[in-house]
Amino acid sequence: MTTLEAGLKRASGTSIVFSIVLIIFGILAIALPIVSSIGVAIVIGWLAIFAGIVQLVHAFQSKGIGHILWQILVAIFYLAAGVSLITRPALGVASLTLVLGIFLFAEGIADVITYFATRKSGT
């Protein structure tokens, strides 16, 4: 058996194991929807926190005080939404659509204001 064949056999075995694990997690998600929903709320909360941190770093790389302030405002919205989802995941499941809707609306307003504020400056 060549090295390539051995590598393919090992990769196939790993792929089958991951497939079985995904099937088990899928069955558990269907069987336990409340637990799955809380898990999703926590994951989305952490993603929002990481996105807020990235927005905050990006804000300090931007030019112009107005642009920096709006980027910081967006970062605060990300962080607030993430912390809200992580600290109260059961409530977050019930209000996830509302929280994300408000967050996306606020980010859209901030982006439109930033566009019009920086349109004339050319940045």
PDB file of N, CA and C in Angstrom:
ATOM      1  N   MET A   1       0.851  -1.168   0.000  1.00  0.00           N
ATOM      2  CA  MET A   1       0.000   0.000   0.000  1.00  0.00           C
ATOM      3  C   MET A   1       0.899   1.235   0.000  1.00  0.00           C
ATOM      4  N   THR A   2       0.591   2.181  -0.876  1.00  0.00           N
ATOM      5  CA  THR A   2       1.396   3.398  -0.966  1.00  0.00           C
ATOM      6  C   THR A   2       0.972   4.403   0.102  1.00  0.00           C
ATOM      7  N   THR A   3       1.757   5.430   0.217  1.00  0.00           N
ATOM      8  CA  THR A   3       1.455   6.475   1.190  1.00  0.00           C
ATOM      9  C   THR A   3       0.150   7.184   0.847  1.00  0.00           C
ATOM     10  N   LEU A   4      -0.103   7.382  -0.428  1.00  0.00           N
ATOM     11  CA  LEU A   4      -1.340   8.030  -0.868  1.00  0.00           C
ATOM     12  C   LEU A   4      -2.553   7.189  -0.495  1.00  0.00           C
ATOM     13  N   GLU A   5      -2.479   5.896  -0.729  1.00  0.00           N
ATOM     14  CA  GLU A   5      -3.608   5.010  -0.387  1.00  0.00           C
ATOM     15  C   GLU A   5      -3.858   5.002   1.111  1.00  0.00           C
ATOM     16  N   ALA A   6      -2.794   4.996   1.906  1.00  0.00           N
ATOM     17  CA  ALA A   6      -2.945   5.019   3.358  1.00  0.00           C
ATOM     18  C   ALA A   6      -3.581   6.331   3.816  1.00  0.00           C
ATOM     19  N   GLY A   7      -3.166   7.430   3.204  1.00  0.00           N
ATOM     20  CA  GLY A   7      -3.743   8.733   3.549  1.00  0.00           C
ATOM     21  C   GLY A   7      -5.213   8.803   3.187  1.00  0.00           C
ATOM     22  N   LEU A   8      -5.584   8.267   2.024  1.00  0.00           N
ATOM     23  CA  LEU A   8      -6.991   8.252   1.610  1.00  0.00           C
ATOM     24  C   LEU A   8      -7.834   7.387   2.539  1.00  0.00           C
ATOM     25  N   LYS A   9      -7.294   6.253   2.953  1.00  0.00           N
ATOM     26  CA  LYS A   9      -8.031   5.367   3.854  1.00  0.00           C
ATOM     27  C   LYS A   9      -8.252   6.049   5.211  1.00  0.00           C
ATOM     28  N   ARG A  10      -7.225   6.745   5.703  1.00  0.00           N
ATOM     29  CA  ARG A  10      -7.348   7.446   6.981  1.00  0.00           C
ATOM     30  C   ARG A  10      -8.352   8.601   6.859  1.00  0.00           C
ATOM     31  N   ALA A  11      -8.308   9.337   5.733  1.00  0.00           N
ATOM     32  CA  ALA A  11      -9.239  10.445   5.522  1.00  0.00           C
ATOM     33  C   ALA A  11     -10.669   9.935   5.394  1.00  0.00           C
ATOM     34  N   SER A  12     -10.850   8.790   4.738  1.00  0.00           N
ATOM     35  CA  SER A  12     -12.185   8.219   4.606  1.00  0.00           C
ATOM     36  C   SER A  12     -12.738   7.813   5.962  1.00  0.00           C
ATOM     37  N   GLY A  13     -11.907   7.223   6.797  1.00  0.00           N
ATOM     38  CA  GLY A  13     -12.340   6.835   8.141  1.00  0.00           C
ATOM     39  C   GLY A  13     -12.731   8.041   8.970  1.00  0.00           C
ATOM     40  N   THR A  14     -11.938   9.106   8.900  1.00  0.00           N
ATOM     41  CA  THR A  14     -12.251  10.342   9.623  1.00  0.00           C
ATOM     42  C   THR A  14     -13.546  10.950   9.107  1.00  0.00           C
ATOM     43  N   SER A  15     -13.740  10.927   7.808  1.00  0.00           N
ATOM     44  CA  SER A  15     -14.961  11.474   7.212  1.00  0.00           C
ATOM     45  C   SER A  15     -16.196  10.704   7.680  1.00  0.00           C
ATOM     46  N   ILE A  16     -16.088   9.412   7.771  1.00  0.00           N
ATOM     47  CA  ILE A  16     -17.221   8.596   8.230  1.00  0.00           C
ATOM     48  C   ILE A  16     -17.533   8.899   9.693  1.00  0.00           C
ATOM     49  N   VAL A  17     -16.494   9.037  10.527  1.00  0.00           N
ATOM     50  CA  VAL A  17     -16.700   9.353  11.935  1.00  0.00           C
ATOM     51  C   VAL A  17     -17.394  10.711  12.067  1.00  0.00           C
ATOM     52  N   PHE A  18     -16.936  11.735  11.332  1.00  0.00           N
ATOM     53  CA  PHE A  18     -17.570  13.045  11.388  1.00  0.00           C
ATOM     54  C   PHE A  18     -19.008  12.981  10.889  1.00  0.00           C
ATOM     55  N   SER A  19     -19.270  12.192   9.878  1.00  0.00           N
ATOM     56  CA  SER A  19     -20.630  12.035   9.364  1.00  0.00           C
ATOM     57  C   SER A  19     -21.551  11.435  10.422  1.00  0.00           C
ATOM     58  N   ILE A  20     -21.083  10.432  11.124  1.00  0.00           N
ATOM     59  CA  ILE A  20     -21.886   9.800  12.177  1.00  0.00           C
ATOM     60  C   ILE A  20     -22.152  10.790  13.312  1.00  0.00           C
ATOM     61  N   VAL A  21     -21.128  11.561  13.686  1.00  0.00           N
ATOM     62  CA  VAL A  21     -21.295  12.566  14.741  1.00  0.00           C
ATOM     63  C   VAL A  21     -22.335  13.605  14.313  1.00  0.00           C
ATOM     64  N   LEU A  22     -22.289  14.060  13.061  1.00  0.00           N
ATOM     65  CA  LEU A  22     -23.260  15.032  12.576  1.00  0.00           C
ATOM     66  C   LEU A  22     -24.676  14.458  12.568  1.00  0.00           C
ATOM     67  N   ILE A  23     -24.820  13.206  12.222  1.00  0.00           N
ATOM     68  CA  ILE A  23     -26.132  12.557  12.247  1.00  0.00           C
ATOM     69  C   ILE A  23     -26.671  12.523  13.678  1.00  0.00           C
ATOM     70  N   ILE A  24     -25.820  12.171  14.631  1.00  0.00           N
ATOM     71  CA  ILE A  24     -26.236  12.121  16.034  1.00  0.00           C
ATOM     72  C   ILE A  24     -26.648  13.512  16.515  1.00  0.00           C
ATOM     73  N   PHE A  25     -25.841  14.541  16.193  1.00  0.00           N
ATOM     74  CA  PHE A  25     -26.183  15.908  16.603  1.00  0.00           C
ATOM     75  C   PHE A  25     -27.478  16.370  15.938  1.00  0.00           C
ATOM     76  N   GLY A  26     -27.700  15.983  14.699  1.00  0.00           N
ATOM     77  CA  GLY A  26     -28.948  16.337  14.017  1.00  0.00           C
ATOM     78  C   GLY A  26     -30.156  15.712  14.690  1.00  0.00           C
ATOM     79  N   ILE A  27     -30.041  14.457  15.065  1.00  0.00           N
ATOM     80  CA  ILE A  27     -31.137  13.772  15.765  1.00  0.00           C
ATOM     81  C   ILE A  27     -31.393  14.434  17.116  1.00  0.00           C
ATOM     82  N   LEU A  28     -30.320  14.769  17.845  1.00  0.00           N
ATOM     83  CA  LEU A  28     -30.476  15.452  19.132  1.00  0.00           C
ATOM     84  C   LEU A  28     -31.114  16.826  18.971  1.00  0.00           C
ATOM     85  N   ALA A  29     -30.756  17.548  17.918  1.00  0.00           N
ATOM     86  CA  ALA A  29     -31.343  18.874  17.685  1.00  0.00           C
ATOM     87  C   ALA A  29     -32.835  18.769  17.402  1.00  0.00           C
ATOM     88  N   ILE A  30     -33.240  17.733  16.675  1.00  0.00           N
ATOM     89  CA  ILE A  30     -34.659  17.528  16.396  1.00  0.00           C
ATOM     90  C   ILE A  30     -35.386  17.077  17.651  1.00  0.00           C
ATOM     91  N   ALA A  31     -34.765  16.211  18.437  1.00  0.00           N
ATOM     92  CA  ALA A  31     -35.411  15.672  19.633  1.00  0.00           C
ATOM     93  C   ALA A  31     -35.468  16.685  20.777  1.00  0.00           C
ATOM     94  N   LEU A  32     -34.509  17.597  20.839  1.00  0.00           N
ATOM     95  CA  LEU A  32     -34.431  18.575  21.935  1.00  0.00           C
ATOM     96  C   LEU A  32     -34.399  20.000  21.373  1.00  0.00           C
ATOM     97  N   PRO A  33     -35.505  20.479  20.835  1.00  0.00           N
ATOM     98  CA  PRO A  33     -35.481  21.798  20.184  1.00  0.00           C
ATOM     99  C   PRO A  33     -35.209  22.964  21.131  1.00  0.00           C
ATOM    100  N   ILE A  34     -35.641  22.870  22.374  1.00  0.00           N
ATOM    101  CA  ILE A  34     -35.410  23.978  23.313  1.00  0.00           C
ATOM    102  C   ILE A  34     -33.921  24.095  23.634  1.00  0.00           C
ATOM    103  N   VAL A  35     -33.297  22.966  23.890  1.00  0.00           N
ATOM    104  CA  VAL A  35     -31.857  22.974  24.174  1.00  0.00           C
ATOM    105  C   VAL A  35     -31.084  23.462  22.947  1.00  0.00           C
ATOM    106  N   SER A  36     -31.493  23.017  21.769  1.00  0.00           N
ATOM    107  CA  SER A  36     -30.844  23.450  20.533  1.00  0.00           C
ATOM    108  C   SER A  36     -31.008  24.949  20.331  1.00  0.00           C
ATOM    109  N   SER A  37     -32.198  25.477  20.613  1.00  0.00           N
ATOM    110  CA  SER A  37     -32.450  26.906  20.452  1.00  0.00           C
ATOM    111  C   SER A  37     -31.595  27.729  21.400  1.00  0.00           C
ATOM    112  N   ILE A  38     -31.469  27.275  22.634  1.00  0.00           N
ATOM    113  CA  ILE A  38     -30.623  27.988  23.593  1.00  0.00           C
ATOM    114  C   ILE A  38     -29.163  27.942  23.147  1.00  0.00           C
ATOM    115  N   GLY A  39     -28.732  26.804  22.641  1.00  0.00           N
ATOM    116  CA  GLY A  39     -27.363  26.690  22.125  1.00  0.00           C
ATOM    117  C   GLY A  39     -27.124  27.630  20.953  1.00  0.00           C
ATOM    118  N   VAL A  40     -28.090  27.729  20.071  1.00  0.00           N
ATOM    119  CA  VAL A  40     -27.960  28.635  18.922  1.00  0.00           C
ATOM    120  C   VAL A  40     -27.913  30.084  19.398  1.00  0.00           C
ATOM    121  N   ALA A  41     -28.735  30.441  20.379  1.00  0.00           N
ATOM    122  CA  ALA A  41     -28.724  31.806  20.910  1.00  0.00           C
ATOM    123  C   ALA A  41     -27.359  32.143  21.506  1.00  0.00           C
ATOM    124  N   ILE A  42     -26.765  31.203  22.215  1.00  0.00           N
ATOM    125  CA  ILE A  42     -25.442  31.440  22.811  1.00  0.00           C
ATOM    126  C   ILE A  42     -24.379  31.587  21.723  1.00  0.00           C
ATOM    127  N   VAL A  43     -24.428  30.743  20.715  1.00  0.00           N
ATOM    128  CA  VAL A  43     -23.453  30.833  19.619  1.00  0.00           C
ATOM    129  C   VAL A  43     -23.605  32.168  18.881  1.00  0.00           C
ATOM    130  N   ILE A  44     -24.830  32.575  18.594  1.00  0.00           N
ATOM    131  CA  ILE A  44     -25.048  33.856  17.926  1.00  0.00           C
ATOM    132  C   ILE A  44     -24.575  35.001  18.819  1.00  0.00           C
ATOM    133  N   GLY A  45     -24.782  34.882  20.122  1.00  0.00           N
ATOM    134  CA  GLY A  45     -24.293  35.895  21.048  1.00  0.00           C
ATOM    135  C   GLY A  45     -22.778  36.049  20.985  1.00  0.00           C
ATOM    136  N   TRP A  46     -22.071  34.925  20.994  1.00  0.00           N
ATOM    137  CA  TRP A  46     -20.605  34.991  20.898  1.00  0.00           C
ATOM    138  C   TRP A  46     -20.154  35.542  19.547  1.00  0.00           C
ATOM    139  N   LEU A  47     -20.846  35.163  18.488  1.00  0.00           N
ATOM    140  CA  LEU A  47     -20.497  35.708  17.170  1.00  0.00           C
ATOM    141  C   LEU A  47     -20.702  37.216  17.126  1.00  0.00           C
ATOM    142  N   ALA A  48     -21.774  37.695  17.747  1.00  0.00           N
ATOM    143  CA  ALA A  48     -22.015  39.137  17.792  1.00  0.00           C
ATOM    144  C   ALA A  48     -20.938  39.845  18.606  1.00  0.00           C
ATOM    145  N   ILE A  49     -20.503  39.234  19.693  1.00  0.00           N
ATOM    146  CA  ILE A  49     -19.430  39.840  20.502  1.00  0.00           C
ATOM    147  C   ILE A  49     -18.137  39.910  19.698  1.00  0.00           C
ATOM    148  N   PHE A  50     -17.782  38.840  19.020  1.00  0.00           N
ATOM    149  CA  PHE A  50     -16.564  38.861  18.199  1.00  0.00           C
ATOM    150  C   PHE A  50     -16.690  39.884  17.072  1.00  0.00           C
ATOM    151  N   ALA A  51     -17.874  39.987  16.468  1.00  0.00           N
ATOM    152  CA  ALA A  51     -18.088  40.984  15.419  1.00  0.00           C
ATOM    153  C   ALA A  51     -17.968  42.398  15.991  1.00  0.00           C
ATOM    154  N   GLY A  52     -18.460  42.606  17.209  1.00  0.00           N
ATOM    155  CA  GLY A  52     -18.332  43.912  17.852  1.00  0.00           C
ATOM    156  C   GLY A  52     -16.882  44.278  18.104  1.00  0.00           C
ATOM    157  N   ILE A  53     -16.087  43.305  18.510  1.00  0.00           N
ATOM    158  CA  ILE A  53     -14.659  43.555  18.733  1.00  0.00           C
ATOM    159  C   ILE A  53     -13.976  43.921  17.418  1.00  0.00           C
ATOM    160  N   VAL A  54     -14.311  43.204  16.354  1.00  0.00           N
ATOM    161  CA  VAL A  54     -13.729  43.502  15.036  1.00  0.00           C
ATOM    162  C   VAL A  54     -14.159  44.895  14.573  1.00  0.00           C
ATOM    163  N   GLN A  55     -15.431  45.248  14.775  1.00  0.00           N
ATOM    164  CA  GLN A  55     -15.902  46.584  14.412  1.00  0.00           C
ATOM    165  C   GLN A  55     -15.164  47.659  15.207  1.00  0.00           C
ATOM    166  N   LEU A  56     -14.903  47.386  16.473  1.00  0.00           N
ATOM    167  CA  LEU A  56     -14.195  48.348  17.310  1.00  0.00           C
ATOM    168  C   LEU A  56     -12.763  48.552  16.822  1.00  0.00           C
ATOM    169  N   VAL A  57     -12.093  47.473  16.480  1.00  0.00           N
ATOM    170  CA  VAL A  57     -10.736  47.580  15.930  1.00  0.00           C
ATOM    171  C   VAL A  57     -10.770  48.326  14.603  1.00  0.00           C
ATOM    172  N   HIS A  58     -11.758  48.002  13.775  1.00  0.00           N
ATOM    173  CA  HIS A  58     -11.891  48.666  12.474  1.00  0.00           C
ATOM    174  C   HIS A  58     -12.164  50.166  12.642  1.00  0.00           C
ATOM    175  N   ALA A  59     -12.886  50.539  13.692  1.00  0.00           N
ATOM    176  CA  ALA A  59     -13.208  51.947  13.922  1.00  0.00           C
ATOM    177  C   ALA A  59     -11.942  52.774  14.100  1.00  0.00           C
ATOM    178  N   PHE A  60     -10.961  52.235  14.795  1.00  0.00           N
ATOM    179  CA  PHE A  60      -9.747  52.992  15.042  1.00  0.00           C
ATOM    180  C   PHE A  60      -8.786  52.971  13.863  1.00  0.00           C
ATOM    181  N   GLN A  61      -9.120  52.192  12.838  1.00  0.00           N
ATOM    182  CA  GLN A  61      -8.335  52.212  11.608  1.00  0.00           C
ATOM    183  C   GLN A  61      -8.978  53.113  10.560  1.00  0.00           C
ATOM    184  N   SER A  62     -10.169  53.638  10.859  1.00  0.00           N
ATOM    185  CA  SER A  62     -10.893  54.496   9.931  1.00  0.00           C
ATOM    186  C   SER A  62     -10.355  55.919  10.006  1.00  0.00           C
ATOM    187  N   LYS A  63     -10.706  56.696   8.983  1.00  0.00           N
ATOM    188  CA  LYS A  63     -10.286  58.092   8.943  1.00  0.00           C
ATOM    189  C   LYS A  63     -11.495  58.977   9.183  1.00  0.00           C
ATOM    190  N   GLY A  64     -11.288  60.037   9.904  1.00  0.00           N
ATOM    191  CA  GLY A  64     -12.355  60.999  10.174  1.00  0.00           C
ATOM    192  C   GLY A  64     -13.074  60.681  11.463  1.00  0.00           C
ATOM    193  N   ILE A  65     -13.256  61.697  12.300  1.00  0.00           N
ATOM    194  CA  ILE A  65     -13.859  61.479  13.613  1.00  0.00           C
ATOM    195  C   ILE A  65     -15.301  61.024  13.498  1.00  0.00           C
ATOM    196  N   GLY A  66     -16.048  61.526  12.518  1.00  0.00           N
ATOM    197  CA  GLY A  66     -17.439  61.108  12.340  1.00  0.00           C
ATOM    198  C   GLY A  66     -17.540  59.637  11.995  1.00  0.00           C
ATOM    199  N   HIS A  67     -16.679  59.196  11.110  1.00  0.00           N
ATOM    200  CA  HIS A  67     -16.681  57.779  10.708  1.00  0.00           C
ATOM    201  C   HIS A  67     -16.291  56.891  11.880  1.00  0.00           C
ATOM    202  N   ILE A  68     -15.322  57.318  12.662  1.00  0.00           N
ATOM    203  CA  ILE A  68     -14.890  56.548  13.830  1.00  0.00           C
ATOM    204  C   ILE A  68     -16.029  56.427  14.839  1.00  0.00           C
ATOM    205  N   LEU A  69     -16.723  57.524  15.099  1.00  0.00           N
ATOM    206  CA  LEU A  69     -17.817  57.496  16.069  1.00  0.00           C
ATOM    207  C   LEU A  69     -18.939  56.563  15.629  1.00  0.00           C
ATOM    208  N   TRP A  70     -19.278  56.578  14.343  1.00  0.00           N
ATOM    209  CA  TRP A  70     -20.342  55.688  13.870  1.00  0.00           C
ATOM    210  C   TRP A  70     -19.901  54.232  13.928  1.00  0.00           C
ATOM    211  N   GLN A  71     -18.650  53.959  13.632  1.00  0.00           N
ATOM    212  CA  GLN A  71     -18.152  52.587  13.727  1.00  0.00           C
ATOM    213  C   GLN A  71     -18.166  52.113  15.181  1.00  0.00           C
ATOM    214  N   ILE A  72     -17.835  53.006  16.105  1.00  0.00           N
ATOM    215  CA  ILE A  72     -17.886  52.653  17.524  1.00  0.00           C
ATOM    216  C   ILE A  72     -19.328  52.389  17.941  1.00  0.00           C
ATOM    217  N   LEU A  73     -20.264  53.193  17.432  1.00  0.00           N
ATOM    218  CA  LEU A  73     -21.680  52.983  17.737  1.00  0.00           C
ATOM    219  C   LEU A  73     -22.150  51.614  17.241  1.00  0.00           C
ATOM    220  N   VAL A  74     -21.758  51.241  16.035  1.00  0.00           N
ATOM    221  CA  VAL A  74     -22.106  49.916  15.497  1.00  0.00           C
ATOM    222  C   VAL A  74     -21.490  48.824  16.366  1.00  0.00           C
ATOM    223  N   ALA A  75     -20.237  49.019  16.785  1.00  0.00           N
ATOM    224  CA  ALA A  75     -19.574  48.026  17.640  1.00  0.00           C
ATOM    225  C   ALA A  75     -20.317  47.878  18.967  1.00  0.00           C
ATOM    226  N   ILE A  76     -20.802  48.982  19.507  1.00  0.00           N
ATOM    227  CA  ILE A  76     -21.553  48.921  20.763  1.00  0.00           C
ATOM    228  C   ILE A  76     -22.847  48.134  20.566  1.00  0.00           C
ATOM    229  N   PHE A  77     -23.519  48.334  19.438  1.00  0.00           N
ATOM    230  CA  PHE A  77     -24.740  47.571  19.153  1.00  0.00           C
ATOM    231  C   PHE A  77     -24.442  46.074  19.061  1.00  0.00           C
ATOM    232  N   TYR A  78     -23.369  45.720  18.376  1.00  0.00           N
ATOM    233  CA  TYR A  78     -22.967  44.317  18.284  1.00  0.00           C
ATOM    234  C   TYR A  78     -22.717  43.740  19.678  1.00  0.00           C
ATOM    235  N   LEU A  79     -21.925  44.455  20.472  1.00  0.00           N
ATOM    236  CA  LEU A  79     -21.569  43.964  21.801  1.00  0.00           C
ATOM    237  C   LEU A  79     -22.797  43.855  22.706  1.00  0.00           C
ATOM    238  N   ALA A  80     -23.686  44.833  22.642  1.00  0.00           N
ATOM    239  CA  ALA A  80     -24.891  44.792  23.476  1.00  0.00           C
ATOM    240  C   ALA A  80     -25.786  43.618  23.086  1.00  0.00           C
ATOM    241  N   ALA A  81     -25.946  43.397  21.789  1.00  0.00           N
ATOM    242  CA  ALA A  81     -26.774  42.272  21.337  1.00  0.00           C
ATOM    243  C   ALA A  81     -26.140  40.948  21.768  1.00  0.00           C
ATOM    244  N   GLY A  82     -24.824  40.825  21.647  1.00  0.00           N
ATOM    245  CA  GLY A  82     -24.139  39.593  22.036  1.00  0.00           C
ATOM    246  C   GLY A  82     -24.223  39.317  23.520  1.00  0.00           C
ATOM    247  N   VAL A  83     -23.977  40.342  24.324  1.00  0.00           N
ATOM    248  CA  VAL A  83     -24.046  40.164  25.778  1.00  0.00           C
ATOM    249  C   VAL A  83     -25.467  39.815  26.205  1.00  0.00           C
ATOM    250  N   SER A  84     -26.445  40.447  25.587  1.00  0.00           N
ATOM    251  CA  SER A  84     -27.841  40.149  25.897  1.00  0.00           C
ATOM    252  C   SER A  84     -28.177  38.687  25.617  1.00  0.00           C
ATOM    253  N   LEU A  85     -27.715  38.183  24.500  1.00  0.00           N
ATOM    254  CA  LEU A  85     -28.003  36.791  24.139  1.00  0.00           C
ATOM    255  C   LEU A  85     -27.263  35.795  25.030  1.00  0.00           C
ATOM    256  N   ILE A  86     -26.075  36.140  25.463  1.00  0.00           N
ATOM    257  CA  ILE A  86     -25.304  35.207  26.288  1.00  0.00           C
ATOM    258  C   ILE A  86     -25.789  35.203  27.738  1.00  0.00           C
ATOM    259  N   THR A  87     -26.129  36.371  28.275  1.00  0.00           N
ATOM    260  CA  THR A  87     -26.518  36.432  29.677  1.00  0.00           C
ATOM    261  C   THR A  87     -27.923  35.886  29.927  1.00  0.00           C
ATOM    262  N   ARG A  88     -28.797  35.977  28.935  1.00  0.00           N
ATOM    263  CA  ARG A  88     -30.169  35.471  29.080  1.00  0.00           C
ATOM    264  C   ARG A  88     -30.547  34.644  27.860  1.00  0.00           C
ATOM    265  N   PRO A  89     -29.959  33.455  27.703  1.00  0.00           N
ATOM    266  CA  PRO A  89     -30.220  32.696  26.472  1.00  0.00           C
ATOM    267  C   PRO A  89     -31.674  32.243  26.330  1.00  0.00           C
ATOM    268  N   ALA A  90     -32.341  31.912  27.429  1.00  0.00           N
ATOM    269  CA  ALA A  90     -33.742  31.485  27.319  1.00  0.00           C
ATOM    270  C   ALA A  90     -34.614  32.647  26.859  1.00  0.00           C
ATOM    271  N   LEU A  91     -34.388  33.819  27.433  1.00  0.00           N
ATOM    272  CA  LEU A  91     -35.101  35.005  26.975  1.00  0.00           C
ATOM    273  C   LEU A  91     -34.661  35.368  25.561  1.00  0.00           C
ATOM    274  N   GLY A  92     -33.390  35.128  25.275  1.00  0.00           N
ATOM    275  CA  GLY A  92     -32.864  35.406  23.941  1.00  0.00           C
ATOM    276  C   GLY A  92     -33.532  34.575  22.869  1.00  0.00           C
ATOM    277  N   VAL A  93     -33.862  33.346  23.201  1.00  0.00           N
ATOM    278  CA  VAL A  93     -34.561  32.491  22.248  1.00  0.00           C
ATOM    279  C   VAL A  93     -35.920  33.095  21.925  1.00  0.00           C
ATOM    280  N   ALA A  94     -36.588  33.580  22.948  1.00  0.00           N
ATOM    281  CA  ALA A  94     -37.920  34.147  22.752  1.00  0.00           C
ATOM    282  C   ALA A  94     -37.872  35.471  22.003  1.00  0.00           C
ATOM    283  N   SER A  95     -36.803  36.230  22.190  1.00  0.00           N
ATOM    284  CA  SER A  95     -36.746  37.559  21.581  1.00  0.00           C
ATOM    285  C   SER A  95     -35.628  37.736  20.564  1.00  0.00           C
ATOM    286  N   LEU A  96     -35.067  36.652  20.078  1.00  0.00           N
ATOM    287  CA  LEU A  96     -33.935  36.740  19.150  1.00  0.00           C
ATOM    288  C   LEU A  96     -34.296  37.519  17.886  1.00  0.00           C
ATOM    289  N   THR A  97     -35.459  37.282  17.351  1.00  0.00           N
ATOM    290  CA  THR A  97     -35.871  37.985  16.148  1.00  0.00           C
ATOM    291  C   THR A  97     -35.982  39.477  16.408  1.00  0.00           C
ATOM    292  N   LEU A  98     -36.558  39.854  17.524  1.00  0.00           N
ATOM    293  CA  LEU A  98     -36.692  41.269  17.860  1.00  0.00           C
ATOM    294  C   LEU A  98     -35.331  41.923  18.069  1.00  0.00           C
ATOM    295  N   VAL A  99     -34.453  41.275  18.823  1.00  0.00           N
ATOM    296  CA  VAL A  99     -33.129  41.837  19.097  1.00  0.00           C
ATOM    297  C   VAL A  99     -32.338  42.003  17.798  1.00  0.00           C
ATOM    298  N   LEU A 100     -32.341  40.982  16.966  1.00  0.00           N
ATOM    299  CA  LEU A 100     -31.594  41.076  15.714  1.00  0.00           C
ATOM    300  C   LEU A 100     -32.227  42.087  14.768  1.00  0.00           C
ATOM    301  N   GLY A 101     -33.552  42.185  14.770  1.00  0.00           N
ATOM    302  CA  GLY A 101     -34.218  43.182  13.933  1.00  0.00           C
ATOM    303  C   GLY A 101     -33.837  44.595  14.337  1.00  0.00           C
ATOM    304  N   ILE A 102     -33.856  44.878  15.630  1.00  0.00           N
ATOM    305  CA  ILE A 102     -33.463  46.203  16.122  1.00  0.00           C
ATOM    306  C   ILE A 102     -31.999  46.471  15.809  1.00  0.00           C
ATOM    307  N   PHE A 103     -31.169  45.473  16.026  1.00  0.00           N
ATOM    308  CA  PHE A 103     -29.739  45.611  15.756  1.00  0.00           C
ATOM    309  C   PHE A 103     -29.478  45.916  14.280  1.00  0.00           C
ATOM    310  N   LEU A 104     -30.093  45.152  13.386  1.00  0.00           N
ATOM    311  CA  LEU A 104     -29.872  45.368  11.954  1.00  0.00           C
ATOM    312  C   LEU A 104     -30.438  46.714  11.505  1.00  0.00           C
ATOM    313  N   PHE A 105     -31.572  47.115  12.062  1.00  0.00           N
ATOM    314  CA  PHE A 105     -32.150  48.418  11.748  1.00  0.00           C
ATOM    315  C   PHE A 105     -31.199  49.530  12.172  1.00  0.00           C
ATOM    316  N   ALA A 106     -30.683  49.450  13.402  1.00  0.00           N
ATOM    317  CA  ALA A 106     -29.771  50.474  13.915  1.00  0.00           C
ATOM    318  C   ALA A 106     -28.480  50.518  13.103  1.00  0.00           C
ATOM    319  N   GLU A 107     -27.970  49.354  12.731  1.00  0.00           N
ATOM    320  CA  GLU A 107     -26.751  49.333  11.924  1.00  0.00           C
ATOM    321  C   GLU A 107     -27.003  49.941  10.556  1.00  0.00           C
ATOM    322  N   GLY A 108     -28.143  49.649   9.979  1.00  0.00           N
ATOM    323  CA  GLY A 108     -28.490  50.231   8.678  1.00  0.00           C
ATOM    324  C   GLY A 108     -28.597  51.746   8.751  1.00  0.00           C
ATOM    325  N   ILE A 109     -29.253  52.253   9.796  1.00  0.00           N
ATOM    326  CA  ILE A 109     -29.361  53.710   9.984  1.00  0.00           C
ATOM    327  C   ILE A 109     -27.971  54.319  10.144  1.00  0.00           C
ATOM    328  N   ALA A 110     -27.129  53.685  10.963  1.00  0.00           N
ATOM    329  CA  ALA A 110     -25.773  54.193  11.175  1.00  0.00           C
ATOM    330  C   ALA A 110     -24.976  54.193   9.880  1.00  0.00           C
ATOM    331  N   ASP A 111     -25.115  53.162   9.063  1.00  0.00           N
ATOM    332  CA  ASP A 111     -24.394  53.096   7.792  1.00  0.00           C
ATOM    333  C   ASP A 111     -24.880  54.161   6.811  1.00  0.00           C
ATOM    334  N   VAL A 112     -26.188  54.407   6.763  1.00  0.00           N
ATOM    335  CA  VAL A 112     -26.726  55.441   5.872  1.00  0.00           C
ATOM    336  C   VAL A 112     -26.233  56.812   6.304  1.00  0.00           C
ATOM    337  N   ILE A 113     -26.260  57.080   7.599  1.00  0.00           N
ATOM    338  CA  ILE A 113     -25.778  58.370   8.107  1.00  0.00           C
ATOM    339  C   ILE A 113     -24.289  58.525   7.815  1.00  0.00           C
ATOM    340  N   THR A 114     -23.524  57.474   8.006  1.00  0.00           N
ATOM    341  CA  THR A 114     -22.088  57.513   7.713  1.00  0.00           C
ATOM    342  C   THR A 114     -21.843  57.783   6.242  1.00  0.00           C
ATOM    343  N   TYR A 115     -22.630  57.155   5.381  1.00  0.00           N
ATOM    344  CA  TYR A 115     -22.476  57.371   3.940  1.00  0.00           C
ATOM    345  C   TYR A 115     -22.681  58.840   3.588  1.00  0.00           C
ATOM    346  N   PHE A 116     -23.785  59.415   4.070  1.00  0.00           N
ATOM    347  CA  PHE A 116     -24.064  60.802   3.740  1.00  0.00           C
ATOM    348  C   PHE A 116     -23.081  61.749   4.404  1.00  0.00           C
ATOM    349  N   ALA A 117     -22.577  61.402   5.575  1.00  0.00           N
ATOM    350  CA  ALA A 117     -21.608  62.264   6.261  1.00  0.00           C
ATOM    351  C   ALA A 117     -20.243  62.238   5.582  1.00  0.00           C
ATOM    352  N   THR A 118     -19.864  61.103   5.017  1.00  0.00           N
ATOM    353  CA  THR A 118     -18.538  60.999   4.409  1.00  0.00           C
ATOM    354  C   THR A 118     -18.563  61.104   2.891  1.00  0.00           C
ATOM    355  N   ARG A 119     -19.730  61.239   2.304  1.00  0.00           N
ATOM    356  CA  ARG A 119     -19.852  61.300   0.841  1.00  0.00           C
ATOM    357  C   ARG A 119     -19.123  62.491   0.283  1.00  0.00           C
ATOM    358  N   LYS A 120     -19.249  63.637   0.922  1.00  0.00           N
ATOM    359  CA  LYS A 120     -18.629  64.871   0.418  1.00  0.00           C
ATOM    360  C   LYS A 120     -17.139  64.901   0.641  1.00  0.00           C
ATOM    361  N   SER A 121     -16.656  64.200   1.683  1.00  0.00           N
ATOM    362  CA  SER A 121     -15.227  64.224   1.988  1.00  0.00           C
ATOM    363  C   SER A 121     -14.419  63.295   1.092  1.00  0.00           C
ATOM    364  N   GLY A 122     -15.094  62.334   0.434  1.00  0.00           N
ATOM    365  CA  GLY A 122     -14.401  61.440  -0.492  1.00  0.00           C
ATOM    366  C   GLY A 122     -13.675  60.299   0.186  1.00  0.00           C
ATOM    367  N   THR A 123     -13.917  60.051   1.470  1.00  0.00           N
ATOM    368  CA  THR A 123     -13.242  58.945   2.169  1.00  0.00           C
ATOM    369  C   THR A 123     -14.124  57.747   2.251  1.00  0.00           C
TER     370      THR A 123
END
